[in-house]
Amino acid sequence: MKKVLSILLFAVLLCTLLPKTALFAHGEVIGGSCGAPGYDLRWEFDPETGELRISGTGSMEDYNNYSVNAPWYPYEYTSVYISAGVTSVGVRAFTDSGVTKVFLPEGLRELGRYCFSDCTSLESIELPSTVNTMGDSCFSGCTALESIKLPGSIERMWGYCFSGCTSLTDRKSTRLNSSH
């Protein structure tokens, strides 16, 4: 019994030392469901390219509990591509990730609370013209964020959206009411 436990413990330790991508077969794409109840959204992660893709129709699931992370959280993704048809980015969907590049489609209406918070490698982002709501702290702690393009469609921008964005020097807006 001790020998079996020793071998099992060794295997677990070995897996923690390997890069996460080494655990997947060459060309294997990982994925699953990520839609809010009643919506059909899917996610796919390609460990070879570091790309995370979200596709389908409707709202993304919220991951608003610290004990429940987005299903892609353990993977080392650097790019996020959200397809047309997705209408909201879930709460804490990409929090604390190494993302450097984000594509958000026209038709996207809402960014959930903390959805990109603490993405310390994200340098710039352009929000589509259809976004009308930015949740609390959606970009807070993005210390490398230098530039963001805000559309004129924003109706609600909750507090602390850019808190801790120490590099933010270029915030372009087609219309931003001071009451936001």
Protein backbone atom coordinates (compact mmCIF):
# COMPACT_ATOMS: atom_id res chain seq x y z
CA MET A 1 0.00 0.00 0.00
CA LYS A 2 2.83 2.42 0.83
CA LYS A 3 4.47 1.70 -2.50
CA VAL A 4 1.25 2.49 -4.40
CA LEU A 5 0.82 5.74 -2.47
CA SER A 6 4.45 6.68 -3.11
CA ILE A 7 4.07 6.11 -6.84
CA LEU A 8 0.83 8.07 -6.91
CA LEU A 9 2.37 10.96 -4.97
CA PHE A 10 5.39 10.96 -7.31
CA ALA A 11 3.08 11.13 -10.36
CA VAL A 12 1.15 14.05 -8.89
CA LEU A 13 4.35 15.92 -8.08
CA LEU A 14 5.73 15.26 -11.56
CA CYS A 15 2.56 16.67 -13.14
CA THR A 16 2.87 19.89 -11.13
CA LEU A 17 6.38 20.42 -12.48
CA LEU A 18 5.41 20.02 -16.13
CA PRO A 19 4.06 22.94 -18.15
CA LYS A 20 0.28 22.62 -18.38
CA THR A 21 0.45 22.21 -22.14
CA ALA A 22 2.71 19.15 -21.77
CA LEU A 23 -0.22 17.21 -20.32
CA PHE A 24 -2.23 17.35 -23.55
CA ALA A 25 -1.78 15.30 -26.67
CA HIS A 26 -0.37 17.13 -29.67
CA GLY A 27 -3.19 18.99 -31.43
CA GLU A 28 -5.73 18.30 -28.68
CA VAL A 29 -8.24 21.09 -28.05
CA ILE A 30 -9.93 21.27 -24.67
CA GLY A 31 -13.43 22.68 -24.23
CA GLY A 32 -16.88 22.58 -22.76
CA SER A 33 -20.01 24.53 -22.00
CA CYS A 34 -19.94 28.08 -20.60
CA GLY A 35 -23.40 29.50 -21.25
CA ALA A 36 -25.64 30.93 -18.57
CA PRO A 37 -28.69 28.72 -17.89
CA GLY A 38 -30.77 28.53 -21.05
CA TYR A 39 -27.96 29.65 -23.38
CA ASP A 40 -25.73 27.55 -25.60
CA LEU A 41 -22.16 28.82 -25.35
CA ARG A 42 -19.05 26.70 -25.77
CA TRP A 43 -15.38 27.34 -25.00
CA GLU A 44 -12.34 25.82 -26.67
CA PHE A 45 -8.72 26.16 -25.66
CA ASP A 46 -5.85 25.29 -27.97
CA PRO A 47 -2.72 24.69 -25.85
CA GLU A 48 -0.43 24.98 -28.89
CA THR A 49 -1.51 28.53 -29.78
CA GLY A 50 -2.68 29.75 -26.35
CA GLU A 51 -6.02 30.75 -27.91
CA LEU A 52 -9.28 30.60 -26.00
CA ARG A 53 -12.42 30.83 -28.12
CA ILE A 54 -15.96 31.41 -26.88
CA SER A 55 -18.78 30.76 -29.37
CA GLY A 56 -22.52 30.28 -29.47
CA THR A 57 -25.54 32.42 -28.72
CA GLY A 58 -26.49 34.31 -25.58
CA SER A 59 -24.99 35.18 -22.22
CA MET A 60 -21.89 33.71 -20.66
CA GLU A 61 -22.06 32.06 -17.24
CA ASP A 62 -21.06 34.22 -14.25
CA TYR A 63 -18.21 32.98 -12.08
CA ASN A 64 -18.88 35.29 -9.18
CA ASN A 65 -17.83 33.07 -6.34
CA TYR A 66 -14.14 32.85 -5.45
CA SER A 67 -14.50 29.09 -5.08
CA VAL A 68 -15.95 28.66 -8.59
CA ASN A 69 -13.55 29.66 -11.36
CA ALA A 70 -14.22 29.75 -15.09
CA PRO A 71 -13.55 26.30 -16.58
CA TRP A 72 -10.60 27.67 -18.59
CA TYR A 73 -8.94 29.23 -15.52
CA PRO A 74 -6.24 26.53 -15.13
CA TYR A 75 -5.01 26.89 -18.72
CA GLU A 76 -2.32 29.29 -19.92
CA TYR A 77 -4.17 31.25 -22.58
CA THR A 78 -2.91 34.53 -24.01
CA SER A 79 -5.62 35.35 -26.56
CA VAL A 80 -9.40 35.48 -26.12
CA TYR A 81 -11.69 35.46 -29.16
CA ILE A 82 -15.39 35.87 -28.49
CA SER A 83 -17.63 35.13 -31.48
CA ALA A 84 -20.63 37.05 -32.76
CA GLY A 85 -23.73 35.84 -30.98
CA VAL A 86 -22.28 36.14 -27.48
CA THR A 87 -24.14 38.96 -25.72
CA SER A 88 -22.33 39.21 -22.37
CA VAL A 89 -18.98 38.41 -20.79
CA GLY A 90 -19.55 36.70 -17.45
CA VAL A 91 -18.55 37.97 -14.03
CA ARG A 92 -14.87 37.13 -13.34
CA ALA A 93 -14.66 35.27 -16.65
CA PHE A 94 -11.02 36.12 -17.37
CA THR A 95 -9.87 37.52 -14.01
CA ASP A 96 -6.19 37.17 -13.22
CA SER A 97 -5.21 35.61 -16.55
CA GLY A 98 -2.17 36.13 -18.75
CA VAL A 99 -4.30 37.40 -21.63
CA THR A 100 -2.56 39.88 -23.95
CA LYS A 101 -5.07 40.03 -26.81
CA VAL A 102 -8.89 40.20 -26.69
CA PHE A 103 -11.37 40.27 -29.56
CA LEU A 104 -14.92 41.32 -28.65
CA PRO A 105 -17.64 41.11 -31.34
CA GLU A 106 -20.31 43.54 -32.42
CA GLY A 107 -23.52 42.50 -30.68
CA LEU A 108 -21.82 42.15 -27.29
CA ARG A 109 -23.81 44.26 -24.83
CA GLU A 110 -22.41 43.71 -21.36
CA LEU A 111 -19.09 43.25 -19.59
CA GLY A 112 -19.63 41.56 -16.25
CA ARG A 113 -18.08 42.61 -12.94
CA TYR A 114 -14.34 41.93 -12.72
CA CYS A 115 -14.42 40.17 -16.12
CA PHE A 116 -10.89 41.29 -17.06
CA SER A 117 -9.64 42.44 -13.65
CA ASP A 118 -5.99 41.82 -12.84
CA CYS A 119 -5.09 40.89 -16.42
CA THR A 120 -1.67 42.45 -15.95
CA SER A 121 -0.43 41.69 -19.50
CA LEU A 122 -3.38 43.29 -21.35
CA GLU A 123 -2.13 46.51 -22.99
CA SER A 124 -5.07 47.70 -25.09
CA ILE A 125 -8.66 46.85 -25.91
CA GLU A 126 -11.39 48.17 -28.17
CA LEU A 127 -14.98 47.72 -27.06
CA PRO A 128 -17.54 47.14 -29.81
CA SER A 129 -20.11 49.84 -30.52
CA THR A 130 -22.89 47.70 -29.02
CA VAL A 131 -21.56 47.52 -25.44
CA ASN A 132 -23.90 49.42 -23.14
CA THR A 133 -22.94 48.18 -19.66
CA MET A 134 -19.56 47.88 -17.96
CA GLY A 135 -19.72 46.11 -14.60
CA ASP A 136 -17.84 47.01 -11.42
CA SER A 137 -14.08 46.82 -11.70
CA CYS A 138 -14.21 45.15 -15.14
CA PHE A 139 -10.64 46.27 -15.93
CA SER A 140 -9.37 47.04 -12.43
CA GLY A 141 -5.78 46.06 -11.77
CA CYS A 142 -4.85 45.82 -15.46
CA THR A 143 -1.52 47.50 -14.79
CA ALA A 144 -0.24 47.23 -18.38
CA LEU A 145 -3.44 48.64 -19.92
CA GLU A 146 -2.38 51.77 -21.83
CA SER A 147 -5.29 52.30 -24.20
CA ILE A 148 -9.01 51.59 -24.34
CA LYS A 149 -11.58 52.68 -26.90
CA LEU A 150 -15.00 53.23 -25.35
CA PRO A 151 -18.08 53.31 -27.59
CA GLY A 152 -20.80 55.94 -27.40
CA SER A 153 -23.33 53.22 -26.61
CA ILE A 154 -22.31 52.94 -22.95
CA GLU A 155 -25.27 53.69 -20.70
CA ARG A 156 -23.98 52.26 -17.42
CA MET A 157 -20.39 52.22 -16.24
CA TRP A 158 -20.23 50.97 -12.67
CA GLY A 159 -17.54 51.99 -10.19
CA TYR A 160 -13.84 51.26 -10.28
CA CYS A 161 -13.81 50.09 -13.92
CA PHE A 162 -10.24 51.35 -14.33
CA SER A 163 -9.03 51.32 -10.72
CA GLY A 164 -5.34 50.42 -10.55
CA CYS A 165 -4.81 50.81 -14.31
CA THR A 166 -1.57 52.68 -13.67
CA SER A 167 -0.46 52.71 -17.33
CA LEU A 168 -3.75 53.96 -18.78
CA THR A 169 -2.95 57.10 -20.72
CA ASP A 170 -5.27 56.87 -23.71
CA ARG A 171 -9.01 56.53 -23.09
CA LYS A 172 -10.80 57.31 -26.34
CA SER A 173 -14.54 57.71 -26.27
CA THR A 174 -17.07 58.65 -28.89
CA ARG A 175 -19.31 59.91 -26.08
CA LEU A 176 -18.89 59.49 -22.36
CA ASN A 177 -21.36 61.27 -20.12
CA SER A 178 -19.79 62.52 -16.90
CA SER A 179 -22.62 60.92 -14.89
CA HIS A 180 -21.19 57.47 -15.66
